[in-house]
PDB file of N, CA and C in Angstrom:
ATOM      1  N   MET A   1      -3.580 -27.775 -21.898  1.00  0.00           N
ATOM      2  CA  MET A   1      -3.367 -26.362 -21.672  1.00  0.00           C
ATOM      3  C   MET A   1      -4.671 -25.735 -21.188  1.00  0.00           C
ATOM      4  N   ALA A   2      -4.573 -24.793 -20.247  1.00  0.00           N
ATOM      5  CA  ALA A   2      -5.767 -24.185 -19.660  1.00  0.00           C
ATOM      6  C   ALA A   2      -6.401 -23.204 -20.622  1.00  0.00           C
ATOM      7  N   ASP A   3      -7.696 -23.099 -20.548  1.00  0.00           N
ATOM      8  CA  ASP A   3      -8.432 -22.146 -21.367  1.00  0.00           C
ATOM      9  C   ASP A   3      -8.486 -20.814 -20.625  1.00  0.00           C
ATOM     10  N   ASN A   4      -7.699 -19.842 -21.054  1.00  0.00           N
ATOM     11  CA  ASN A   4      -7.593 -18.560 -20.372  1.00  0.00           C
ATOM     12  C   ASN A   4      -8.401 -17.478 -21.062  1.00  0.00           C
ATOM     13  N   GLN A   5      -9.621 -17.782 -21.393  1.00  0.00           N
ATOM     14  CA  GLN A   5     -10.472 -16.784 -22.019  1.00  0.00           C
ATOM     15  C   GLN A   5     -11.537 -16.347 -21.037  1.00  0.00           C
ATOM     16  N   GLY A   6     -11.732 -15.030 -20.962  1.00  0.00           N
ATOM     17  CA  GLY A   6     -12.741 -14.482 -20.069  1.00  0.00           C
ATOM     18  C   GLY A   6     -14.105 -14.565 -20.698  1.00  0.00           C
ATOM     19  N   PRO A   7     -15.086 -13.972 -20.050  1.00  0.00           N
ATOM     20  CA  PRO A   7     -16.451 -14.012 -20.584  1.00  0.00           C
ATOM     21  C   PRO A   7     -16.574 -13.311 -21.933  1.00  0.00           C
ATOM     22  N   GLN A   8     -15.714 -12.331 -22.221  1.00  0.00           N
ATOM     23  CA  GLN A   8     -15.788 -11.619 -23.494  1.00  0.00           C
ATOM     24  C   GLN A   8     -14.992 -12.321 -24.585  1.00  0.00           C
ATOM     25  N   GLY A   9     -14.235 -13.368 -24.242  1.00  0.00           N
ATOM     26  CA  GLY A   9     -13.450 -14.078 -25.221  1.00  0.00           C
ATOM     27  C   GLY A   9     -12.077 -13.474 -25.433  1.00  0.00           C
ATOM     28  N   ASN A  10     -11.657 -12.530 -24.583  1.00  0.00           N
ATOM     29  CA  ASN A  10     -10.318 -11.954 -24.698  1.00  0.00           C
ATOM     30  C   ASN A  10      -9.299 -12.946 -24.169  1.00  0.00           C
ATOM     31  N   TYR A  11      -8.294 -13.228 -24.983  1.00  0.00           N
ATOM     32  CA  TYR A  11      -7.288 -14.215 -24.603  1.00  0.00           C
ATOM     33  C   TYR A  11      -6.248 -13.580 -23.682  1.00  0.00           C
ATOM     34  N   ASP A  12      -5.988 -14.223 -22.568  1.00  0.00           N
ATOM     35  CA  ASP A  12      -4.996 -13.755 -21.598  1.00  0.00           C
ATOM     36  C   ASP A  12      -3.960 -14.864 -21.440  1.00  0.00           C
ATOM     37  N   PRO A  13      -2.832 -14.786 -22.170  1.00  0.00           N
ATOM     38  CA  PRO A  13      -1.881 -15.893 -22.164  1.00  0.00           C
ATOM     39  C   PRO A  13      -1.261 -16.158 -20.794  1.00  0.00           C
ATOM     40  N   ALA A  14      -1.100 -15.131 -19.962  1.00  0.00           N
ATOM     41  CA  ALA A  14      -0.493 -15.337 -18.647  1.00  0.00           C
ATOM     42  C   ALA A  14      -1.517 -15.755 -17.607  1.00  0.00           C
ATOM     43  N   GLY A  15      -2.780 -15.592 -17.897  1.00  0.00           N
ATOM     44  CA  GLY A  15      -3.816 -15.937 -16.932  1.00  0.00           C
ATOM     45  C   GLY A  15      -3.895 -14.942 -15.785  1.00  0.00           C
ATOM     46  N   SER A  16      -3.316 -13.743 -15.960  1.00  0.00           N
ATOM     47  CA  SER A  16      -3.273 -12.783 -14.858  1.00  0.00           C
ATOM     48  C   SER A  16      -4.657 -12.245 -14.506  1.00  0.00           C
ATOM     49  N   THR A  17      -5.545 -12.180 -15.474  1.00  0.00           N
ATOM     50  CA  THR A  17      -6.896 -11.691 -15.180  1.00  0.00           C
ATOM     51  C   THR A  17      -7.607 -12.644 -14.228  1.00  0.00           C
ATOM     52  N   GLN A  18      -7.470 -13.929 -14.481  1.00  0.00           N
ATOM     53  CA  GLN A  18      -8.120 -14.904 -13.618  1.00  0.00           C
ATOM     54  C   GLN A  18      -7.497 -14.881 -12.225  1.00  0.00           C
ATOM     55  N   MET A  19      -6.186 -14.708 -12.151  1.00  0.00           N
ATOM     56  CA  MET A  19      -5.533 -14.650 -10.846  1.00  0.00           C
ATOM     57  C   MET A  19      -5.978 -13.400 -10.083  1.00  0.00           C
ATOM     58  N   PHE A  20      -6.114 -12.279 -10.786  1.00  0.00           N
ATOM     59  CA  PHE A  20      -6.564 -11.050 -10.142  1.00  0.00           C
ATOM     60  C   PHE A  20      -7.994 -11.200  -9.633  1.00  0.00           C
ATOM     61  N   ARG A  21      -8.849 -11.773 -10.453  1.00  0.00           N
ATOM     62  CA  ARG A  21     -10.231 -11.963 -10.021  1.00  0.00           C
ATOM     63  C   ARG A  21     -10.318 -12.882  -8.811  1.00  0.00           C
ATOM     64  N   ALA A  22      -9.482 -13.913  -8.776  1.00  0.00           N
ATOM     65  CA  ALA A  22      -9.475 -14.813  -7.627  1.00  0.00           C
ATOM     66  C   ALA A  22      -9.019 -14.065  -6.372  1.00  0.00           C
ATOM     67  N   PHE A  23      -8.058 -13.158  -6.542  1.00  0.00           N
ATOM     68  CA  PHE A  23      -7.570 -12.369  -5.408  1.00  0.00           C
ATOM     69  C   PHE A  23      -8.643 -11.406  -4.910  1.00  0.00           C
ATOM     70  N   VAL A  24      -9.328 -10.728  -5.824  1.00  0.00           N
ATOM     71  CA  VAL A  24     -10.350  -9.750  -5.448  1.00  0.00           C
ATOM     72  C   VAL A  24     -11.571 -10.437  -4.850  1.00  0.00           C
ATOM     73  N   ASP A  25     -11.951 -11.567  -5.415  1.00  0.00           N
ATOM     74  CA  ASP A  25     -13.149 -12.260  -4.955  1.00  0.00           C
ATOM     75  C   ASP A  25     -12.928 -13.051  -3.676  1.00  0.00           C
ATOM     76  N   GLU A  26     -11.682 -13.132  -3.209  1.00  0.00           N
ATOM     77  CA  GLU A  26     -11.390 -13.881  -1.987  1.00  0.00           C
ATOM     78  C   GLU A  26     -12.106 -13.235  -0.809  1.00  0.00           C
ATOM     79  N   ALA A  27     -12.749 -14.038   0.011  1.00  0.00           N
ATOM     80  CA  ALA A  27     -13.494 -13.527   1.156  1.00  0.00           C
ATOM     81  C   ALA A  27     -12.524 -12.962   2.196  1.00  0.00           C
ATOM     82  N   PRO A  28     -12.780 -11.753   2.695  1.00  0.00           N
ATOM     83  CA  PRO A  28     -11.903 -11.194   3.718  1.00  0.00           C
ATOM     84  C   PRO A  28     -12.023 -11.967   5.024  1.00  0.00           C
ATOM     85  N   GLN A  29     -10.911 -12.082   5.726  1.00  0.00           N
ATOM     86  CA  GLN A  29     -10.902 -12.806   6.984  1.00  0.00           C
ATOM     87  C   GLN A  29     -11.188 -11.834   8.116  1.00  0.00           C
ATOM     88  N   GLY A  30     -11.974 -12.261   9.090  1.00  0.00           N
ATOM     89  CA  GLY A  30     -12.387 -11.392  10.190  1.00  0.00           C
ATOM     90  C   GLY A  30     -11.230 -10.864  11.019  1.00  0.00           C
ATOM     91  N   GLY A  31     -10.222 -11.683  11.287  1.00  0.00           N
ATOM     92  CA  GLY A  31      -9.095 -11.248  12.101  1.00  0.00           C
ATOM     93  C   GLY A  31      -8.297 -10.131  11.445  1.00  0.00           C
ATOM     94  N   ARG A  32      -8.177 -10.183  10.143  1.00  0.00           N
ATOM     95  CA  ARG A  32      -7.421  -9.155   9.441  1.00  0.00           C
ATOM     96  C   ARG A  32      -8.136  -7.813   9.489  1.00  0.00           C
ATOM     97  N   GLN A  33      -9.433  -7.791   9.340  1.00  0.00           N
ATOM     98  CA  GLN A  33     -10.154  -6.533   9.307  1.00  0.00           C
ATOM     99  C   GLN A  33     -10.102  -5.828  10.658  1.00  0.00           C
ATOM    100  N   GLN A  34     -10.127  -6.565  11.726  1.00  0.00           N
ATOM    101  CA  GLN A  34     -10.102  -5.939  13.042  1.00  0.00           C
ATOM    102  C   GLN A  34      -8.726  -5.395  13.362  1.00  0.00           C
ATOM    103  N   ALA A  35      -7.670  -6.001  12.866  1.00  0.00           N
ATOM    104  CA  ALA A  35      -6.315  -5.563  13.168  1.00  0.00           C
ATOM    105  C   ALA A  35      -5.880  -4.401  12.279  1.00  0.00           C
ATOM    106  N   ALA A  36      -6.546  -4.165  11.163  1.00  0.00           N
ATOM    107  CA  ALA A  36      -6.112  -3.147  10.218  1.00  0.00           C
ATOM    108  C   ALA A  36      -6.129  -1.730  10.800  1.00  0.00           C
ATOM    109  N   PRO A  37      -7.177  -1.272  11.502  1.00  0.00           N
ATOM    110  CA  PRO A  37      -7.140   0.094  12.017  1.00  0.00           C
ATOM    111  C   PRO A  37      -6.012   0.329  13.019  1.00  0.00           C
ATOM    112  N   ALA A  38      -5.712  -0.633  13.853  1.00  0.00           N
ATOM    113  CA  ALA A  38      -4.635  -0.465  14.819  1.00  0.00           C
ATOM    114  C   ALA A  38      -3.290  -0.439  14.112  1.00  0.00           C
ATOM    115  N   ALA A  39      -3.130  -1.219  13.059  1.00  0.00           N
ATOM    116  CA  ALA A  39      -1.862  -1.263  12.339  1.00  0.00           C
ATOM    117  C   ALA A  39      -1.648   0.005  11.525  1.00  0.00           C
ATOM    118  N   SER A  40      -2.706   0.640  11.053  1.00  0.00           N
ATOM    119  CA  SER A  40      -2.540   1.830  10.230  1.00  0.00           C
ATOM    120  C   SER A  40      -2.148   3.049  11.059  1.00  0.00           C
ATOM    121  N   ALA A  41      -2.344   3.013  12.360  1.00  0.00           N
ATOM    122  CA  ALA A  41      -1.964   4.152  13.198  1.00  0.00           C
ATOM    123  C   ALA A  41      -0.451   4.240  13.335  1.00  0.00           C
ATOM    124  N   GLY A  42       0.258   3.125  13.322  1.00  0.00           N
ATOM    125  CA  GLY A  42       1.708   3.122  13.463  1.00  0.00           C
ATOM    126  C   GLY A  42       2.427   3.887  12.364  1.00  0.00           C
ATOM    127  N   PRO A  43       2.179   3.584  11.103  1.00  0.00           N
ATOM    128  CA  PRO A  43       2.854   4.320  10.030  1.00  0.00           C
ATOM    129  C   PRO A  43       2.491   5.812  10.018  1.00  0.00           C
ATOM    130  N   ARG A  44       1.286   6.147  10.421  1.00  0.00           N
ATOM    131  CA  ARG A  44       0.880   7.548  10.435  1.00  0.00           C
ATOM    132  C   ARG A  44       1.693   8.320  11.474  1.00  0.00           C
ATOM    133  N   VAL A  45       1.896   7.730  12.656  1.00  0.00           N
ATOM    134  CA  VAL A  45       2.687   8.379  13.691  1.00  0.00           C
ATOM    135  C   VAL A  45       4.136   8.504  13.228  1.00  0.00           C
ATOM    136  N   GLY A  46       4.659   7.483  12.592  1.00  0.00           N
ATOM    137  CA  GLY A  46       6.020   7.534  12.073  1.00  0.00           C
ATOM    138  C   GLY A  46       6.190   8.608  11.019  1.00  0.00           C
ATOM    139  N   LEU A  47       5.186   8.787  10.178  1.00  0.00           N
ATOM    140  CA  LEU A  47       5.240   9.823   9.153  1.00  0.00           C
ATOM    141  C   LEU A  47       5.258  11.206   9.784  1.00  0.00           C
ATOM    142  N   ILE A  48       4.433  11.415  10.789  1.00  0.00           N
ATOM    143  CA  ILE A  48       4.391  12.713  11.466  1.00  0.00           C
ATOM    144  C   ILE A  48       5.735  13.006  12.129  1.00  0.00           C
ATOM    145  N   ILE A  49       6.290  12.020  12.804  1.00  0.00           N
ATOM    146  CA  ILE A  49       7.588  12.213  13.458  1.00  0.00           C
ATOM    147  C   ILE A  49       8.663  12.480  12.410  1.00  0.00           C
ATOM    148  N   GLY A  50       8.625  11.786  11.306  1.00  0.00           N
ATOM    149  CA  GLY A  50       9.592  12.006  10.225  1.00  0.00           C
ATOM    150  C   GLY A  50       9.518  13.402   9.655  1.00  0.00           C
ATOM    151  N   VAL A  51       8.308  13.911   9.472  1.00  0.00           N
ATOM    152  CA  VAL A  51       8.138  15.274   8.949  1.00  0.00           C
ATOM    153  C   VAL A  51       8.670  16.290   9.950  1.00  0.00           C
ATOM    154  N   ILE A  52       8.395  16.076  11.231  1.00  0.00           N
ATOM    155  CA  ILE A  52       8.885  17.002  12.257  1.00  0.00           C
ATOM    156  C   ILE A  52      10.414  17.004  12.291  1.00  0.00           C
ATOM    157  N   VAL A  53      11.016  15.830  12.214  1.00  0.00           N
ATOM    158  CA  VAL A  53      12.479  15.740  12.207  1.00  0.00           C
ATOM    159  C   VAL A  53      13.062  16.417  10.963  1.00  0.00           C
ATOM    160  N   ALA A  54      12.443  16.215   9.812  1.00  0.00           N
ATOM    161  CA  ALA A  54      12.923  16.838   8.574  1.00  0.00           C
ATOM    162  C   ALA A  54      12.841  18.355   8.660  1.00  0.00           C
ATOM    163  N   VAL A  55      11.750  18.882   9.199  1.00  0.00           N
ATOM    164  CA  VAL A  55      11.611  20.335   9.355  1.00  0.00           C
ATOM    165  C   VAL A  55      12.663  20.865  10.325  1.00  0.00           C
ATOM    166  N   ALA A  56      12.925  20.137  11.401  1.00  0.00           N
ATOM    167  CA  ALA A  56      13.936  20.564  12.368  1.00  0.00           C
ATOM    168  C   ALA A  56      15.323  20.582  11.731  1.00  0.00           C
ATOM    169  N   ILE A  57      15.626  19.597  10.905  1.00  0.00           N
ATOM    170  CA  ILE A  57      16.928  19.548  10.239  1.00  0.00           C
ATOM    171  C   ILE A  57      17.075  20.708   9.260  1.00  0.00           C
ATOM    172  N   VAL A  58      16.050  20.958   8.481  1.00  0.00           N
ATOM    173  CA  VAL A  58      16.093  22.073   7.527  1.00  0.00           C
ATOM    174  C   VAL A  58      16.236  23.396   8.270  1.00  0.00           C
ATOM    175  N   ALA A  59      15.526  23.561   9.388  1.00  0.00           N
ATOM    176  CA  ALA A  59      15.638  24.788  10.170  1.00  0.00           C
ATOM    177  C   ALA A  59      17.048  24.940  10.747  1.00  0.00           C
ATOM    178  N   ALA A  60      17.627  23.854  11.225  1.00  0.00           N
ATOM    179  CA  ALA A  60      18.979  23.914  11.785  1.00  0.00           C
ATOM    180  C   ALA A  60      19.998  24.269  10.703  1.00  0.00           C
ATOM    181  N   VAL A  61      19.875  23.687   9.527  1.00  0.00           N
ATOM    182  CA  VAL A  61      20.794  23.994   8.426  1.00  0.00           C
ATOM    183  C   VAL A  61      20.639  25.449   8.003  1.00  0.00           C
ATOM    184  N   ALA A  62      19.409  25.926   7.907  1.00  0.00           N
ATOM    185  CA  ALA A  62      19.174  27.331   7.536  1.00  0.00           C
ATOM    186  C   ALA A  62      19.742  28.259   8.594  1.00  0.00           C
ATOM    187  N   TRP A  63      19.574  27.928   9.873  1.00  0.00           N
ATOM    188  CA  TRP A  63      20.087  28.766  10.962  1.00  0.00           C
ATOM    189  C   TRP A  63      21.609  28.824  10.916  1.00  0.00           C
ATOM    190  N   LEU A  64      22.251  27.672  10.660  1.00  0.00           N
ATOM    191  CA  LEU A  64      23.707  27.647  10.577  1.00  0.00           C
ATOM    192  C   LEU A  64      24.208  28.401   9.334  1.00  0.00           C
ATOM    193  N   ALA A  65      23.465  28.319   8.248  1.00  0.00           N
ATOM    194  CA  ALA A  65      23.868  29.020   7.020  1.00  0.00           C
ATOM    195  C   ALA A  65      23.752  30.530   7.175  1.00  0.00           C
ATOM    196  N   LEU A  66      22.776  30.999   7.920  1.00  0.00           N
ATOM    197  CA  LEU A  66      22.557  32.445   8.080  1.00  0.00           C
ATOM    198  C   LEU A  66      23.349  33.019   9.254  1.00  0.00           C
ATOM    199  N   LYS A  67      23.961  32.190  10.042  1.00  0.00           N
ATOM    200  CA  LYS A  67      24.675  32.651  11.232  1.00  0.00           C
ATOM    201  C   LYS A  67      25.961  33.317  10.886  1.00  0.00           C
TER     202      LYS A  67
END
C-alpha cells in the first residue's frame, strides 16, 4: 500500500493531495500557452453576442407587452 502522507504527516487516504501537486507542478507546454490567448477571444465574443441577443429579446417582449 502506498504511503500517502505529506510533509506534515497528514494522512490522505485518496491520495488527492499528491495528485493535485503533480498536476500543479507539471511543466506548462509551450504550444498550449501560445494558443490560449487566441482561444479565449472566442468565448468572449460569444458572450457579448449572447448578451446582445438577450437584451433584444427582453426589449421585444416588453414592446409587445406594452403595445
